[in-house]
Amino acid sequence: MKRSCHVLGLLAASWCASACTHYQALSTPPPDRVAELNRSDDVVTISPGVALGLECVNPWGNPCAPDQVSVGDPRIAKVYVAHLGHLEEYTSGSSVPTSFVVVGVQPGETMLTVPGEDPLRIVVVAER
């Protein structure tokens, strides 16, 4: 459950389901590696050396702040703002979503944050 969406009743739950930051994975991992986004738990699981493209849209359908995305521990993962072409037609919201790339560095956990948005937990797993 998203940490920032605590609700007391059915109406509040309905509202909150649409009032959370929306992250979407844009890429897939190479063979025998991991790069996935679990949207229900706000967790990215990734292998060292693998990059995962993500989009970020705030609860109102607008892009997240692209120049302020960061990770808590850059020894675990790195994040880069991406300037991606239109991989898919973007139809909900006022403009193209913010895109960035998360790269696994070494096994461990850290947090990816965008000010004012729900954070993502980054889990870099040991190679298989």
Protein backbone atom coordinates (compact mmCIF):
# COMPACT_ATOMS: atom_id res chain seq x y z
CA MET A 1 0.00 0.00 0.00
CA LYS A 2 1.31 3.44 -0.78
CA ARG A 3 2.65 5.05 2.35
CA SER A 4 1.21 8.49 1.66
CA CYS A 5 -2.29 7.22 0.97
CA HIS A 6 -3.75 6.37 4.37
CA VAL A 7 -7.52 6.44 4.28
CA LEU A 8 -10.35 6.19 6.77
CA GLY A 9 -13.32 5.23 4.65
CA LEU A 10 -14.41 3.92 1.28
CA LEU A 11 -14.82 7.39 -0.24
CA ALA A 12 -11.43 8.48 1.01
CA ALA A 13 -9.89 5.27 -0.35
CA SER A 14 -11.42 5.95 -3.75
CA TRP A 15 -10.07 9.50 -3.79
CA CYS A 16 -6.64 8.47 -2.55
CA ALA A 17 -6.21 5.76 -5.16
CA SER A 18 -6.17 8.51 -7.75
CA ALA A 19 -4.16 10.97 -5.60
CA CYS A 20 -0.79 9.19 -5.55
CA THR A 21 2.24 9.72 -7.71
CA HIS A 22 2.15 7.49 -10.78
CA TYR A 23 5.39 5.81 -11.83
CA GLN A 24 5.60 3.67 -14.96
CA ALA A 25 8.47 1.49 -16.18
CA LEU A 26 9.55 2.24 -19.75
CA SER A 27 12.18 -0.42 -20.37
CA THR A 28 12.91 -4.08 -19.76
CA PRO A 29 16.06 -5.73 -18.41
CA PRO A 30 18.58 -7.66 -20.47
CA PRO A 31 18.43 -11.47 -20.31
CA ASP A 32 19.25 -12.96 -16.90
CA ARG A 33 19.01 -9.57 -15.14
CA VAL A 34 16.30 -7.84 -13.10
CA ALA A 35 14.71 -4.42 -13.65
CA GLU A 36 11.12 -4.11 -12.55
CA LEU A 37 8.75 -1.67 -10.91
CA ASN A 38 6.20 -2.92 -8.39
CA ARG A 39 3.72 -0.05 -8.50
CA SER A 40 1.53 -1.34 -5.69
CA ASP A 41 4.48 -1.27 -3.24
CA ASP A 42 6.47 1.60 -4.82
CA VAL A 43 9.57 -0.60 -5.20
CA VAL A 44 12.09 -0.83 -8.01
CA THR A 45 14.11 -4.07 -8.02
CA ILE A 46 17.17 -3.96 -10.23
CA SER A 47 20.46 -5.79 -10.87
CA PRO A 48 23.83 -4.03 -10.65
CA GLY A 49 24.77 -2.46 -13.99
CA VAL A 50 21.19 -2.49 -15.30
CA ALA A 51 19.24 0.66 -16.19
CA LEU A 52 15.47 1.05 -15.89
CA GLY A 53 13.66 3.92 -17.59
CA LEU A 54 10.77 5.38 -15.59
CA GLU A 55 8.12 8.05 -16.04
CA CYS A 56 6.72 10.12 -13.19
CA VAL A 57 3.37 11.91 -13.17
CA ASN A 58 1.95 13.67 -10.13
CA PRO A 59 -1.59 13.01 -8.82
CA TRP A 60 -3.00 15.76 -11.07
CA GLY A 61 -1.55 14.31 -14.28
CA ASN A 62 1.33 16.77 -14.56
CA PRO A 63 5.03 15.90 -14.83
CA CYS A 64 7.03 15.54 -11.62
CA ALA A 65 9.89 18.00 -11.02
CA PRO A 66 12.59 16.55 -13.31
CA ASP A 67 15.60 18.49 -12.03
CA GLN A 68 15.15 17.44 -8.42
CA VAL A 69 15.05 13.63 -8.58
CA SER A 70 17.69 12.05 -6.33
CA VAL A 71 18.70 8.85 -4.56
CA GLY A 72 19.62 8.64 -0.89
CA ASP A 73 22.73 6.51 -1.39
CA PRO A 74 24.48 6.83 -4.77
CA ARG A 75 26.74 3.89 -3.86
CA ILE A 76 23.64 1.65 -4.24
CA ALA A 77 21.90 3.24 -7.25
CA LYS A 78 22.16 6.29 -9.45
CA VAL A 79 19.44 8.30 -11.15
CA TYR A 80 19.70 10.41 -14.28
CA VAL A 81 17.11 12.69 -15.85
CA ALA A 82 16.22 11.28 -19.25
CA HIS A 83 15.13 13.08 -22.37
CA LEU A 84 13.26 10.27 -24.08
CA GLY A 85 11.38 10.42 -27.32
CA HIS A 86 7.74 9.48 -27.27
CA LEU A 87 7.84 5.75 -26.66
CA GLU A 88 4.06 5.71 -26.42
CA GLU A 89 1.33 8.23 -27.06
CA TYR A 90 0.80 10.20 -23.84
CA THR A 91 -2.86 11.01 -23.46
CA SER A 92 -3.63 11.71 -19.78
CA GLY A 93 -2.35 14.93 -18.28
CA SER A 94 -1.30 18.31 -19.54
CA SER A 95 2.17 17.49 -20.88
CA VAL A 96 4.76 14.77 -21.37
CA PRO A 97 5.67 13.02 -18.08
CA THR A 98 9.05 13.42 -16.43
CA SER A 99 11.42 10.62 -17.44
CA PHE A 100 14.48 9.38 -15.65
CA VAL A 101 16.74 6.34 -15.59
CA VAL A 102 17.66 4.37 -12.46
CA VAL A 103 20.91 2.38 -12.62
CA GLY A 104 21.79 -0.34 -10.12
CA VAL A 105 25.33 0.04 -8.75
CA GLN A 106 25.77 -2.52 -5.96
CA PRO A 107 23.45 -4.69 -3.82
CA GLY A 108 21.54 -2.83 -1.14
CA GLU A 109 18.55 -0.54 -0.63
CA THR A 110 18.06 3.19 -1.00
CA MET A 111 15.24 5.64 -1.69
CA LEU A 112 14.54 7.62 -4.83
CA THR A 113 12.84 10.91 -4.08
CA VAL A 114 11.16 13.61 -6.11
CA PRO A 115 10.17 16.57 -3.90
CA GLY A 116 6.44 16.59 -3.20
CA GLU A 117 5.89 13.11 -4.64
CA ASP A 118 5.68 9.58 -3.26
CA PRO A 119 9.18 8.07 -2.93
CA LEU A 120 10.32 4.83 -4.54
CA ARG A 121 12.32 2.23 -2.66
CA ILE A 122 15.22 0.99 -4.79
CA VAL A 123 16.41 -2.57 -4.12
CA VAL A 124 19.55 -3.60 -5.96
CA VAL A 125 19.81 -7.39 -5.89
CA ALA A 126 22.96 -9.50 -6.19
CA GLU A 127 23.55 -11.03 -9.59
CA ARG A 128 22.06 -14.47 -10.03
